[in-house]
C-alpha atoms as a PDB file:
ATOM      1  CA  MET A   1       0.000   0.000   0.000  1.00  0.00           C
ATOM      2  CA  ASN A   2       1.354   3.399  -0.954  1.00  0.00           C
ATOM      3  CA  ARG A   3       1.901   5.751   1.913  1.00  0.00           C
ATOM      4  CA  LYS A   4       0.745   9.278   1.336  1.00  0.00           C
ATOM      5  CA  LYS A   5       3.398  11.914   0.811  1.00  0.00           C
ATOM      6  CA  LEU A   6       4.190  14.199   3.693  1.00  0.00           C
ATOM      7  CA  LYS A   7       3.556  17.833   2.888  1.00  0.00           C
ATOM      8  CA  LEU A   8       6.482  20.003   3.941  1.00  0.00           C
ATOM      9  CA  GLY A   9       6.284  23.796   3.854  1.00  0.00           C
ATOM     10  CA  VAL A  10       9.464  25.828   4.105  1.00  0.00           C
ATOM     11  CA  PHE A  11      10.344  29.461   4.585  1.00  0.00           C
ATOM     12  CA  ILE A  12      14.101  29.790   4.980  1.00  0.00           C
ATOM     13  CA  PRO A  13      15.047  32.819   2.883  1.00  0.00           C
ATOM     14  CA  PRO A  14      18.661  33.744   2.132  1.00  0.00           C
ATOM     15  CA  ARG A  15      20.304  36.897   3.327  1.00  0.00           C
ATOM     16  CA  ILE A  16      19.382  39.797   1.085  1.00  0.00           C
ATOM     17  CA  THR A  17      22.630  41.611   1.738  1.00  0.00           C
ATOM     18  CA  GLU A  18      25.862  39.684   1.939  1.00  0.00           C
ATOM     19  CA  VAL A  19      28.099  40.889   4.734  1.00  0.00           C
ATOM     20  CA  GLU A  20      31.606  40.223   5.972  1.00  0.00           C
ATOM     21  CA  PRO A  21      32.503  36.582   6.716  1.00  0.00           C
ATOM     22  CA  GLY A  22      31.124  35.369  10.006  1.00  0.00           C
ATOM     23  CA  ALA A  23      28.623  38.192  10.479  1.00  0.00           C
ATOM     24  CA  VAL A  24      25.239  37.087  11.760  1.00  0.00           C
ATOM     25  CA  HIS A  25      23.096  40.205  11.383  1.00  0.00           C
ATOM     26  CA  HIS A  26      22.179  41.841   8.109  1.00  0.00           C
ATOM     27  CA  ALA A  27      19.581  43.758   6.166  1.00  0.00           C
ATOM     28  CA  GLY A  28      16.378  41.890   5.400  1.00  0.00           C
ATOM     29  CA  ILE A  29      14.888  38.846   7.098  1.00  0.00           C
ATOM     30  CA  GLY A  30      17.030  35.990   5.784  1.00  0.00           C
ATOM     31  CA  ARG A  31      19.596  34.632   8.211  1.00  0.00           C
ATOM     32  CA  ILE A  32      21.741  32.228   6.195  1.00  0.00           C
ATOM     33  CA  PRO A  33      23.971  32.963   3.186  1.00  0.00           C
ATOM     34  CA  ARG A  34      22.525  32.501  -0.262  1.00  0.00           C
ATOM     35  CA  ALA A  35      24.891  29.640  -1.157  1.00  0.00           C
ATOM     36  CA  THR A  36      23.941  27.694   1.979  1.00  0.00           C
ATOM     37  CA  GLN A  37      20.255  28.327   1.369  1.00  0.00           C
ATOM     38  CA  ARG A  38      20.612  27.129  -2.209  1.00  0.00           C
ATOM     39  CA  ASP A  39      22.382  23.940  -1.080  1.00  0.00           C
ATOM     40  CA  LEU A  40      19.669  23.284   1.494  1.00  0.00           C
ATOM     41  CA  MET A  41      16.887  23.697  -1.082  1.00  0.00           C
ATOM     42  CA  SER A  42      18.694  21.211  -3.349  1.00  0.00           C
ATOM     43  CA  LEU A  43      18.859  18.703  -0.520  1.00  0.00           C
ATOM     44  CA  LEU A  44      15.131  19.125   0.086  1.00  0.00           C
ATOM     45  CA  ASP A  45      14.483  18.408  -3.600  1.00  0.00           C
ATOM     46  CA  SER A  46      16.136  15.014  -3.116  1.00  0.00           C
ATOM     47  CA  LEU A  47      13.644  13.853  -0.481  1.00  0.00           C
ATOM     48  CA  ASP A  48      11.526  10.827  -1.358  1.00  0.00           C
ATOM     49  CA  GLY A  49       7.922  10.638  -0.255  1.00  0.00           C
ATOM     50  CA  VAL A  50       7.792  14.334   0.570  1.00  0.00           C
ATOM     51  CA  GLU A  51       5.883  17.071  -1.225  1.00  0.00           C
ATOM     52  CA  VAL A  52       7.958  20.197  -0.681  1.00  0.00           C
ATOM     53  CA  HIS A  53       6.423  23.671  -0.844  1.00  0.00           C
ATOM     54  CA  LYS A  54       9.073  26.379  -0.762  1.00  0.00           C
ATOM     55  CA  ASP A  55       8.980  30.110  -0.063  1.00  0.00           C
ATOM     56  CA  LEU A  56       5.759  30.027   1.927  1.00  0.00           C
ATOM     57  CA  ASN A  57       6.186  33.394   3.604  1.00  0.00           C
ATOM     58  CA  PHE A  58       4.114  33.407   6.786  1.00  0.00           C
ATOM     59  CA  ARG A  59       4.905  37.095   7.256  1.00  0.00           C
ATOM     60  CA  GLN A  60       2.883  37.888   4.143  1.00  0.00           C
ATOM     61  CA  SER A  61      -0.230  36.033   5.140  1.00  0.00           C
ATOM     62  CA  PHE A  62      -3.613  36.521   6.753  1.00  0.00           C
ATOM     63  CA  ILE A  63      -5.550  34.420   9.239  1.00  0.00           C
ATOM     64  CA  HIS A  64      -9.139  33.427   8.520  1.00  0.00           C
ATOM     65  CA  ASN A  65     -10.877  31.432  11.251  1.00  0.00           C
ATOM     66  CA  GLY A  66      -7.587  29.977  12.393  1.00  0.00           C
ATOM     67  CA  LYS A  67      -6.390  29.132   8.871  1.00  0.00           C
ATOM     68  CA  ILE A  68      -3.219  30.744   7.525  1.00  0.00           C
ATOM     69  CA  TYR A  69      -3.260  31.810   3.875  1.00  0.00           C
ATOM     70  CA  THR A  70      -0.330  33.073   1.845  1.00  0.00           C
ATOM     71  CA  ASP A  71      -0.511  33.502  -1.935  1.00  0.00           C
ATOM     72  CA  GLY A  72      -3.703  31.463  -1.967  1.00  0.00           C
ATOM     73  CA  PHE A  73      -2.089  28.506  -0.179  1.00  0.00           C
ATOM     74  CA  CYS A  74      -3.411  27.293   3.183  1.00  0.00           C
ATOM     75  CA  LEU A  75      -0.497  26.461   5.456  1.00  0.00           C
ATOM     76  CA  ASN A  76      -2.748  24.400   7.721  1.00  0.00           C
ATOM     77  CA  ASN A  77      -2.971  21.765   4.966  1.00  0.00           C
ATOM     78  CA  LEU A  78       0.708  20.954   5.458  1.00  0.00           C
ATOM     79  CA  ASP A  79       2.002  18.244   7.764  1.00  0.00           C
ATOM     80  CA  ILE A  80       4.977  20.287   8.892  1.00  0.00           C
ATOM     81  CA  TYR A  81       6.161  23.858   8.416  1.00  0.00           C
ATOM     82  CA  VAL A  82       9.799  24.844   8.886  1.00  0.00           C
ATOM     83  CA  TRP A  83      10.877  28.473   9.176  1.00  0.00           C
ATOM     84  CA  TYR A  84      14.115  30.258   9.950  1.00  0.00           C
ATOM     85  CA  CYS A  85      14.133  33.999   9.421  1.00  0.00           C
ATOM     86  CA  GLU A  86      13.972  37.266  11.310  1.00  0.00           C
ATOM     87  CA  VAL A  87      10.634  38.067  12.947  1.00  0.00           C
ATOM     88  CA  ASP A  88       9.053  40.908  14.854  1.00  0.00           C
ATOM     89  CA  ARG A  89      10.085  39.916  18.369  1.00  0.00           C
ATOM     90  CA  ASN A  90       7.726  42.258  20.219  1.00  0.00           C
ATOM     91  CA  VAL A  91       5.061  40.885  22.536  1.00  0.00           C
ATOM     92  CA  GLY A  92       1.887  40.129  20.566  1.00  0.00           C
ATOM     93  CA  SER A  93       3.547  40.650  17.168  1.00  0.00           C
ATOM     94  CA  TYR A  94       1.691  39.456  14.093  1.00  0.00           C
ATOM     95  CA  ASP A  95       4.607  37.225  13.078  1.00  0.00           C
ATOM     96  CA  LEU A  96       4.461  35.268  16.315  1.00  0.00           C
ATOM     97  CA  GLU A  97       0.656  35.134  16.289  1.00  0.00           C
ATOM     98  CA  VAL A  98       0.704  33.546  12.830  1.00  0.00           C
ATOM     99  CA  LEU A  99       3.229  30.899  13.837  1.00  0.00           C
ATOM    100  CA  LYS A 100       1.466  30.112  17.118  1.00  0.00           C
ATOM    101  CA  THR A 101      -1.913  29.866  15.383  1.00  0.00           C
ATOM    102  CA  LEU A 102      -0.465  27.476  12.805  1.00  0.00           C
ATOM    103  CA  ALA A 103       1.262  25.408  15.510  1.00  0.00           C
ATOM    104  CA  ARG A 104      -2.120  24.634  17.035  1.00  0.00           C
ATOM    105  CA  ASP A 105      -2.908  22.554  13.928  1.00  0.00           C
ATOM    106  CA  ILE A 106       0.389  21.246  12.553  1.00  0.00           C
ATOM    107  CA  ARG A 107       4.022  20.774  13.565  1.00  0.00           C
ATOM    108  CA  VAL A 108       5.942  24.058  13.289  1.00  0.00           C
ATOM    109  CA  VAL A 109       9.734  24.190  13.504  1.00  0.00           C
ATOM    110  CA  VAL A 110      11.126  26.263  15.151  1.00  0.00           C
ATOM    111  CA  ASP A 111       8.362  25.834  17.773  1.00  0.00           C
ATOM    112  CA  PRO A 112       6.960  29.369  18.157  1.00  0.00           C
ATOM    113  CA  PHE A 113       5.763  28.937  21.744  1.00  0.00           C
ATOM    114  CA  ASN A 114       9.197  27.852  22.930  1.00  0.00           C
ATOM    115  CA  PHE A 115      10.843  30.431  20.685  1.00  0.00           C
ATOM    116  CA  GLU A 116       8.820  33.156  22.404  1.00  0.00           C
ATOM    117  CA  VAL A 117       9.894  31.899  25.835  1.00  0.00           C
ATOM    118  CA  GLY A 118      13.487  31.999  24.625  1.00  0.00           C
ATOM    119  CA  LEU A 119      13.079  35.641  23.596  1.00  0.00           C
ATOM    120  CA  ASP A 120      12.190  36.621  27.160  1.00  0.00           C
ATOM    121  CA  LYS A 121      15.293  36.461  29.360  1.00  0.00           C
ATOM    122  CA  TYR A 122      13.210  36.144  32.523  1.00  0.00           C
ATOM    123  CA  LEU A 123      11.000  33.300  31.270  1.00  0.00           C
ATOM    124  CA  ALA A 124      13.955  31.508  29.679  1.00  0.00           C
ATOM    125  CA  HIS A 125      16.058  31.767  32.844  1.00  0.00           C
ATOM    126  CA  LEU A 126      13.088  30.532  34.870  1.00  0.00           C
ATOM    127  CA  ARG A 127      12.541  27.494  32.666  1.00  0.00           C
ATOM    128  CA  LEU A 128      16.225  26.554  32.760  1.00  0.00           C
ATOM    129  CA  SER A 129      16.351  26.978  36.519  1.00  0.00           C
ATOM    130  CA  LYS A 130      13.330  24.697  36.956  1.00  0.00           C
ATOM    131  CA  ALA A 131      15.152  22.092  34.842  1.00  0.00           C
ATOM    132  CA  GLY A 132      18.182  22.178  37.125  1.00  0.00           C
ATOM    133  CA  VAL A 133      20.447  24.043  34.713  1.00  0.00           C
ATOM    134  CA  SER A 134      23.184  26.255  36.159  1.00  0.00           C
ATOM    135  CA  VAL A 135      21.678  29.579  35.095  1.00  0.00           C
ATOM    136  CA  ALA A 136      22.175  33.013  36.617  1.00  0.00           C
ATOM    137  CA  GLU A 137      19.880  33.880  39.559  1.00  0.00           C
ATOM    138  CA  THR A 138      17.225  36.446  38.685  1.00  0.00           C
ATOM    139  CA  VAL A 139      14.742  38.758  40.333  1.00  0.00           C
ATOM    140  CA  LEU A 140      11.691  40.252  38.641  1.00  0.00           C
ATOM    141  CA  PHE A 141       9.992  43.256  40.222  1.00  0.00           C
ATOM    142  CA  ASP A 142       7.682  46.174  39.560  1.00  0.00           C
ATOM    143  CA  HIS A 143       8.767  49.774  40.166  1.00  0.00           C
ATOM    144  CA  ASN A 144       6.063  50.081  42.823  1.00  0.00           C
ATOM    145  CA  ASN A 145       7.674  47.425  45.026  1.00  0.00           C
ATOM    146  CA  ILE A 146      11.346  48.081  44.363  1.00  0.00           C
ATOM    147  CA  GLN A 147      12.067  48.409  48.100  1.00  0.00           C
ATOM    148  CA  ARG A 148      11.415  44.674  48.484  1.00  0.00           C
ATOM    149  CA  VAL A 149      14.443  43.922  46.294  1.00  0.00           C
ATOM    150  CA  LYS A 150      16.853  45.732  48.619  1.00  0.00           C
ATOM    151  CA  GLY A 151      17.744  42.709  50.736  1.00  0.00           C
ATOM    152  CA  VAL A 152      18.457  40.488  47.721  1.00  0.00           C
ATOM    153  CA  LEU A 153      20.635  43.135  46.081  1.00  0.00           C
ATOM    154  CA  GLU A 154      22.582  43.728  49.264  1.00  0.00           C
ATOM    155  CA  LYS A 155      23.206  39.983  49.539  1.00  0.00           C
ATOM    156  CA  TRP A 156      24.364  39.765  45.928  1.00  0.00           C
ATOM    157  CA  GLY A 157      26.532  42.865  46.100  1.00  0.00           C
ATOM    158  CA  ARG A 158      26.171  43.657  42.410  1.00  0.00           C
ATOM    159  CA  ALA A 159      23.602  42.830  39.755  1.00  0.00           C
ATOM    160  CA  ILE A 160      22.949  43.185  36.034  1.00  0.00           C
ATOM    161  CA  LEU A 161      19.837  45.054  34.891  1.00  0.00           C
ATOM    162  CA  LYS A 162      18.711  43.523  31.589  1.00  0.00           C
ATOM    163  CA  PRO A 163      15.958  44.225  29.070  1.00  0.00           C
ATOM    164  CA  ARG A 164      13.799  41.121  29.044  1.00  0.00           C
ATOM    165  CA  ARG A 165      13.864  40.949  25.232  1.00  0.00           C
ATOM    166  CA  GLY A 166      17.185  42.637  24.714  1.00  0.00           C
ATOM    167  CA  LYS A 167      19.910  41.788  22.217  1.00  0.00           C
ATOM    168  CA  PHE A 168      23.466  42.749  21.288  1.00  0.00           C
ATOM    169  CA  GLY A 169      24.191  43.848  24.857  1.00  0.00           C
ATOM    170  CA  LYS A 170      22.101  47.005  24.517  1.00  0.00           C
ATOM    171  CA  GLY A 171      20.560  48.307  27.738  1.00  0.00           C
ATOM    172  CA  VAL A 172      22.514  45.871  29.911  1.00  0.00           C
ATOM    173  CA  MET A 173      23.709  47.800  32.973  1.00  0.00           C
ATOM    174  CA  LEU A 174      25.741  47.051  36.084  1.00  0.00           C
ATOM    175  CA  ILE A 175      23.935  47.896  39.340  1.00  0.00           C
ATOM    176  CA  GLU A 176      26.371  48.343  42.219  1.00  0.00           C
ATOM    177  CA  SER A 177      23.993  49.384  45.000  1.00  0.00           C
ATOM    178  CA  TYR A 178      20.353  49.621  45.976  1.00  0.00           C
ATOM    179  CA  PRO A 179      20.348  53.472  45.825  1.00  0.00           C
ATOM    180  CA  MET A 180      21.648  53.278  42.266  1.00  0.00           C
ATOM    181  CA  LEU A 181      18.837  50.891  41.277  1.00  0.00           C
ATOM    182  CA  ARG A 182      16.197  52.911  43.131  1.00  0.00           C
ATOM    183  CA  ASP A 183      17.148  56.194  41.477  1.00  0.00           C
ATOM    184  CA  MET A 184      17.402  54.661  38.005  1.00  0.00           C
ATOM    185  CA  VAL A 185      13.972  53.054  38.285  1.00  0.00           C
ATOM    186  CA  ASP A 186      12.499  56.234  39.755  1.00  0.00           C
ATOM    187  CA  TYR A 187      13.868  58.214  36.813  1.00  0.00           C
ATOM    188  CA  ILE A 188      12.346  55.818  34.289  1.00  0.00           C
ATOM    189  CA  SER A 189       8.941  55.706  35.998  1.00  0.00           C
ATOM    190  CA  SER A 190       8.931  59.498  36.504  1.00  0.00           C
ATOM    191  CA  THR A 191       9.580  60.186  32.830  1.00  0.00           C
ATOM    192  CA  THR A 192       7.589  57.362  31.218  1.00  0.00           C
ATOM    193  CA  GLY A 193       4.918  56.736  33.841  1.00  0.00           C
ATOM    194  CA  LEU A 194       5.403  52.972  33.671  1.00  0.00           C
ATOM    195  CA  SER A 195       7.872  50.125  33.418  1.00  0.00           C
ATOM    196  CA  PRO A 196       8.618  50.015  29.672  1.00  0.00           C
ATOM    197  CA  ASP A 197       9.502  46.316  29.918  1.00  0.00           C
ATOM    198  CA  LYS A 198       6.356  45.608  32.030  1.00  0.00           C
ATOM    199  CA  ALA A 199       8.670  44.555  34.851  1.00  0.00           C
ATOM    200  CA  TYR A 200      12.347  44.940  35.701  1.00  0.00           C
ATOM    201  CA  MET A 201      14.699  41.986  35.536  1.00  0.00           C
ATOM    202  CA  LEU A 202      17.805  41.815  37.690  1.00  0.00           C
ATOM    203  CA  GLU A 203      20.397  39.120  37.177  1.00  0.00           C
ATOM    204  CA  ARG A 204      22.990  38.310  39.797  1.00  0.00           C
ATOM    205  CA  TYR A 205      26.486  39.448  38.837  1.00  0.00           C
ATOM    206  CA  TYR A 206      29.170  36.779  39.145  1.00  0.00           C
ATOM    207  CA  ASP A 207      32.856  37.612  39.074  1.00  0.00           C
ATOM    208  CA  ASN A 208      34.269  36.267  35.815  1.00  0.00           C
ATOM    209  CA  THR A 209      36.770  37.026  33.085  1.00  0.00           C
ATOM    210  CA  ILE A 210      36.177  37.485  29.367  1.00  0.00           C
ATOM    211  CA  ASP A 211      38.718  34.737  28.669  1.00  0.00           C
ATOM    212  CA  ASP A 212      36.257  32.200  30.072  1.00  0.00           C
ATOM    213  CA  TRP A 213      33.182  33.451  28.187  1.00  0.00           C
ATOM    214  CA  VAL A 214      31.879  30.848  25.713  1.00  0.00           C
ATOM    215  CA  GLY A 215      29.009  31.029  23.258  1.00  0.00           C
ATOM    216  CA  THR A 216      27.416  27.831  21.938  1.00  0.00           C
ATOM    217  CA  THR A 217      25.276  26.982  18.929  1.00  0.00           C
ATOM    218  CA  ILE A 218      22.961  23.963  18.964  1.00  0.00           C
ATOM    219  CA  ILE A 219      21.000  22.581  16.014  1.00  0.00           C
ATOM    220  CA  ASN A 220      18.731  19.544  16.378  1.00  0.00           C
ATOM    221  CA  GLY A 221      20.202  18.519  19.720  1.00  0.00           C
ATOM    222  CA  GLU A 222      23.824  18.680  18.561  1.00  0.00           C
ATOM    223  CA  LEU A 223      26.239  21.246  19.906  1.00  0.00           C
ATOM    224  CA  VAL A 224      27.781  22.174  16.569  1.00  0.00           C
ATOM    225  CA  TYR A 225      30.472  24.503  17.937  1.00  0.00           C
ATOM    226  CA  GLY A 226      31.601  26.884  20.635  1.00  0.00           C
ATOM    227  CA  TYR A 227      33.013  30.349  20.062  1.00  0.00           C
ATOM    228  CA  ARG A 228      34.438  33.381  21.822  1.00  0.00           C
ATOM    229  CA  LYS A 229      33.984  37.040  21.036  1.00  0.00           C
ATOM    230  CA  ARG A 230      37.135  38.973  20.230  1.00  0.00           C
ATOM    231  CA  THR A 231      38.123  41.844  22.514  1.00  0.00           C
ATOM    232  CA  SER A 232      36.711  44.335  19.990  1.00  0.00           C
ATOM    233  CA  LYS A 233      33.223  43.172  21.014  1.00  0.00           C
ATOM    234  CA  TRP A 234      33.760  43.777  24.721  1.00  0.00           C
ATOM    235  CA  VAL A 235      33.131  47.084  26.509  1.00  0.00           C
ATOM    236  CA  PRO A 236      33.416  48.137  30.186  1.00  0.00           C
ATOM    237  CA  LEU A 237      30.336  48.004  32.386  1.00  0.00           C
ATOM    238  CA  GLY A 238      32.132  49.764  35.231  1.00  0.00           C
ATOM    239  CA  GLY A 239      33.748  48.469  38.379  1.00  0.00           C
ATOM    240  CA  GLY A 240      36.015  46.188  36.370  1.00  0.00           C
ATOM    241  CA  ALA A 241      33.072  44.317  34.812  1.00  0.00           C
ATOM    242  CA  MET A 242      32.724  43.810  31.045  1.00  0.00           C
ATOM    243  CA  LYS A 243      29.936  42.926  28.631  1.00  0.00           C
ATOM    244  CA  VAL A 244      29.560  41.877  25.009  1.00  0.00           C
ATOM    245  CA  TYR A 245      28.269  44.896  23.094  1.00  0.00           C
ATOM    246  CA  ASP A 246      27.476  45.356  19.413  1.00  0.00           C
ATOM    247  CA  ALA A 247      26.368  48.910  18.697  1.00  0.00           C
ATOM    248  CA  ASN A 248      25.877  48.287  14.971  1.00  0.00           C
ATOM    249  CA  GLU A 249      24.201  44.890  15.431  1.00  0.00           C
ATOM    250  CA  VAL A 250      26.414  43.232  12.817  1.00  0.00           C
ATOM    251  CA  GLY A 251      27.673  40.256  14.815  1.00  0.00           C
ATOM    252  CA  GLY A 252      30.863  38.479  13.864  1.00  0.00           C
ATOM    253  CA  GLU A 253      34.362  38.963  15.283  1.00  0.00           C
ATOM    254  CA  VAL A 254      34.497  35.538  16.886  1.00  0.00           C
ATOM    255  CA  GLU A 255      36.907  32.640  17.141  1.00  0.00           C
ATOM    256  CA  GLN A 256      36.098  28.963  17.470  1.00  0.00           C
ATOM    257  CA  CYS A 257      36.843  27.543  20.914  1.00  0.00           C
ATOM    258  CA  ASP A 258      36.540  24.278  22.771  1.00  0.00           C
ATOM    259  CA  VAL A 259      33.508  23.553  24.923  1.00  0.00           C
ATOM    260  CA  THR A 260      34.162  21.636  28.136  1.00  0.00           C
ATOM    261  CA  PRO A 261      32.194  18.443  28.847  1.00  0.00           C
ATOM    262  CA  GLU A 262      30.424  20.213  31.725  1.00  0.00           C
ATOM    263  CA  GLN A 263      29.446  23.151  29.497  1.00  0.00           C
ATOM    264  CA  GLU A 264      28.171  20.756  26.846  1.00  0.00           C
ATOM    265  CA  ARG A 265      26.061  18.856  29.396  1.00  0.00           C
ATOM    266  CA  GLU A 266      24.575  22.093  30.689  1.00  0.00           C
ATOM    267  CA  ALA A 267      23.945  23.398  27.157  1.00  0.00           C
ATOM    268  CA  LEU A 268      22.166  20.223  26.028  1.00  0.00           C
ATOM    269  CA  THR A 269      20.094  20.075  29.223  1.00  0.00           C
ATOM    270  CA  ALA A 270      19.129  23.695  28.579  1.00  0.00           C
ATOM    271  CA  TYR A 271      18.322  22.848  24.947  1.00  0.00           C
ATOM    272  CA  ARG A 272      15.914  20.114  26.009  1.00  0.00           C
ATOM    273  CA  ALA A 273      14.333  22.334  28.664  1.00  0.00           C
ATOM    274  CA  LEU A 274      13.789  25.287  26.348  1.00  0.00           C
ATOM    275  CA  GLY A 275      12.530  23.215  23.426  1.00  0.00           C
ATOM    276  CA  CYS A 276      13.902  25.401  20.625  1.00  0.00           C
ATOM    277  CA  GLU A 277      15.272  23.292  17.783  1.00  0.00           C
ATOM    278  CA  ILE A 278      17.884  25.939  16.947  1.00  0.00           C
ATOM    279  CA  VAL A 279      19.286  27.810  19.936  1.00  0.00           C
ATOM    280  CA  GLY A 280      22.429  28.979  21.668  1.00  0.00           C
ATOM    281  CA  PHE A 281      23.590  29.631  25.221  1.00  0.00           C
ATOM    282  CA  ASP A 282      26.285  31.947  26.541  1.00  0.00           C
ATOM    283  CA  PHE A 283      28.411  30.795  29.461  1.00  0.00           C
ATOM    284  CA  ILE A 284      30.605  32.499  31.996  1.00  0.00           C
ATOM    285  CA  THR A 285      32.742  30.629  34.533  1.00  0.00           C
ATOM    286  CA  HIS A 286      32.491  31.517  38.223  1.00  0.00           C
ATOM    287  CA  LYS A 287      34.578  29.697  40.801  1.00  0.00           C
ATOM    288  CA  GLY A 288      35.262  26.966  38.269  1.00  0.00           C
ATOM    289  CA  LYS A 289      31.585  26.420  37.490  1.00  0.00           C
ATOM    290  CA  PRO A 290      29.888  27.223  34.145  1.00  0.00           C
ATOM    291  CA  ILE A 291      26.825  29.446  34.403  1.00  0.00           C
ATOM    292  CA  ILE A 292      24.439  30.306  31.559  1.00  0.00           C
ATOM    293  CA  VAL A 293      23.842  34.047  31.392  1.00  0.00           C
ATOM    294  CA  ASP A 294      22.013  34.326  28.080  1.00  0.00           C
ATOM    295  CA  GLU A 295      19.778  32.352  25.748  1.00  0.00           C
ATOM    296  CA  ASN A 296      19.875  33.074  22.012  1.00  0.00           C
ATOM    297  CA  THR A 297      16.936  32.059  19.865  1.00  0.00           C
ATOM    298  CA  PHE A 298      19.062  33.099  16.887  1.00  0.00           C
ATOM    299  CA  PRO A 299      22.397  31.669  17.974  1.00  0.00           C
ATOM    300  CA  GLY A 300      25.753  32.708  16.581  1.00  0.00           C
ATOM    301  CA  TYR A 301      25.870  31.526  12.958  1.00  0.00           C
ATOM    302  CA  TYR A 302      29.406  31.580  11.557  1.00  0.00           C
ATOM    303  CA  GLU A 303      30.183  29.929   8.240  1.00  0.00           C
ATOM    304  CA  ASP A 304      33.926  30.209   8.793  1.00  0.00           C
ATOM    305  CA  ILE A 305      33.640  28.109  11.976  1.00  0.00           C
ATOM    306  CA  PHE A 306      31.544  25.509  10.153  1.00  0.00           C
ATOM    307  CA  ARG A 307      34.305  25.258   7.541  1.00  0.00           C
ATOM    308  CA  GLN A 308      37.022  25.169  10.183  1.00  0.00           C
ATOM    309  CA  LEU A 309      35.334  22.138  11.765  1.00  0.00           C
ATOM    310  CA  ASN A 310      34.649  20.476   8.384  1.00  0.00           C
ATOM    311  CA  LYS A 311      30.910  20.836   8.847  1.00  0.00           C
ATOM    312  CA  ASN A 312      28.387  21.859   6.236  1.00  0.00           C
ATOM    313  CA  PRO A 313      25.667  24.189   7.591  1.00  0.00           C
ATOM    314  CA  ALA A 314      23.207  23.071   4.901  1.00  0.00           C
ATOM    315  CA  ASP A 315      23.648  19.493   6.121  1.00  0.00           C
ATOM    316  CA  GLU A 316      22.934  20.559   9.704  1.00  0.00           C
ATOM    317  CA  PHE A 317      19.637  22.204   8.722  1.00  0.00           C
ATOM    318  CA  PHE A 318      18.766  19.262   6.474  1.00  0.00           C
ATOM    319  CA  LYS A 319      19.305  16.793   9.323  1.00  0.00           C
ATOM    320  CA  LEU A 320      16.966  18.846  11.494  1.00  0.00           C
ATOM    321  CA  ILE A 321      14.258  18.833   8.823  1.00  0.00           C
ATOM    322  CA  THR A 322      14.557  15.110   8.075  1.00  0.00           C
ATOM    323  CA  CYS A 323      14.406  14.282  11.789  1.00  0.00           C
ATOM    324  CA  GLU A 324      11.228  16.341  12.108  1.00  0.00           C
ATOM    325  CA  LEU A 325       9.757  14.698   8.999  1.00  0.00           C
ATOM    326  CA  ASN A 326      10.421  11.279  10.505  1.00  0.00           C
ATOM    327  CA  ARG A 327       8.722  12.315  13.742  1.00  0.00           C
ATOM    328  CA  THR A 328       5.753  13.758  11.899  1.00  0.00           C
ATOM    329  CA  GLY A 329       5.454  10.743   9.596  1.00  0.00           C
ATOM    330  CA  GLN A 330       5.293   8.389  12.568  1.00  0.00           C
ATOM    331  CA  ALA A 331       2.707  10.601  14.227  1.00  0.00           C
ATOM    332  CA  ILE A 332       0.341  10.606  11.264  1.00  0.00           C
ATOM    333  CA  ALA A 333       0.945   7.085   9.918  1.00  0.00           C
END
């Protein structure tokens, strides 16, 4: 008996503007180089028993009674939809609503519900902590009850104030005392009338050195590489502390580095807890122990590191898609 073909929808556009080798950010919504995207599409063409629908742009769609339509095609009729592109990351954005609506009917990769958790540093830290991952301690508070944070901050000594959906190190500030935090929050609430981020997130500051900072990239449950930012991407926070900062949001300036067995265990435990099929985690080392201080739903993507390790990025994405097809095929057989 012939088994029906699985219907695979894909939206993985190439970068519109090519940038310097290793750079991760660019104009447009595509996130992988054109050559890699072309190789991946060729691999998808080789699939047996799969009906592949390419360039189904969910961002140019509309929703009618829970059905997603783009260019006259209903995405809900697919068995699986795979996307990897830039999206509007704001709370309640149309991009995320489309993906979450579609995921209620079919398998969507990257899972938009888990992706959205990963965007929020507080929720991501919380999920990792609940899973037993060594992640930085956090406090969430409203400007109206800031005085209740005083004891925690005094115990910590110093803390990092982070935007919950921040990126590229922007808005990350070192808090060295309760009065400093109080006056900063009072200034923001006095001038805006609210907490722009809905709530303030404090992360415990741990003494560390930039030489021990490690970024990781995971695709389909495999830690594909580790990397370090060059000194050009580090700026002072004050008090001897440093942070990764990218004013132009262009990424790059990294070097491949080894990942310790303990870091790899923590990263893969975090991967399973967060549930994002493509993700990355940034580590510091404090008193000999790795601690995750950031989750990246668009992890560092560096073609030069792939080549250095004799890995093909198109193959890595293809393996993810074929694994998901196998899962979906078993589910609907």
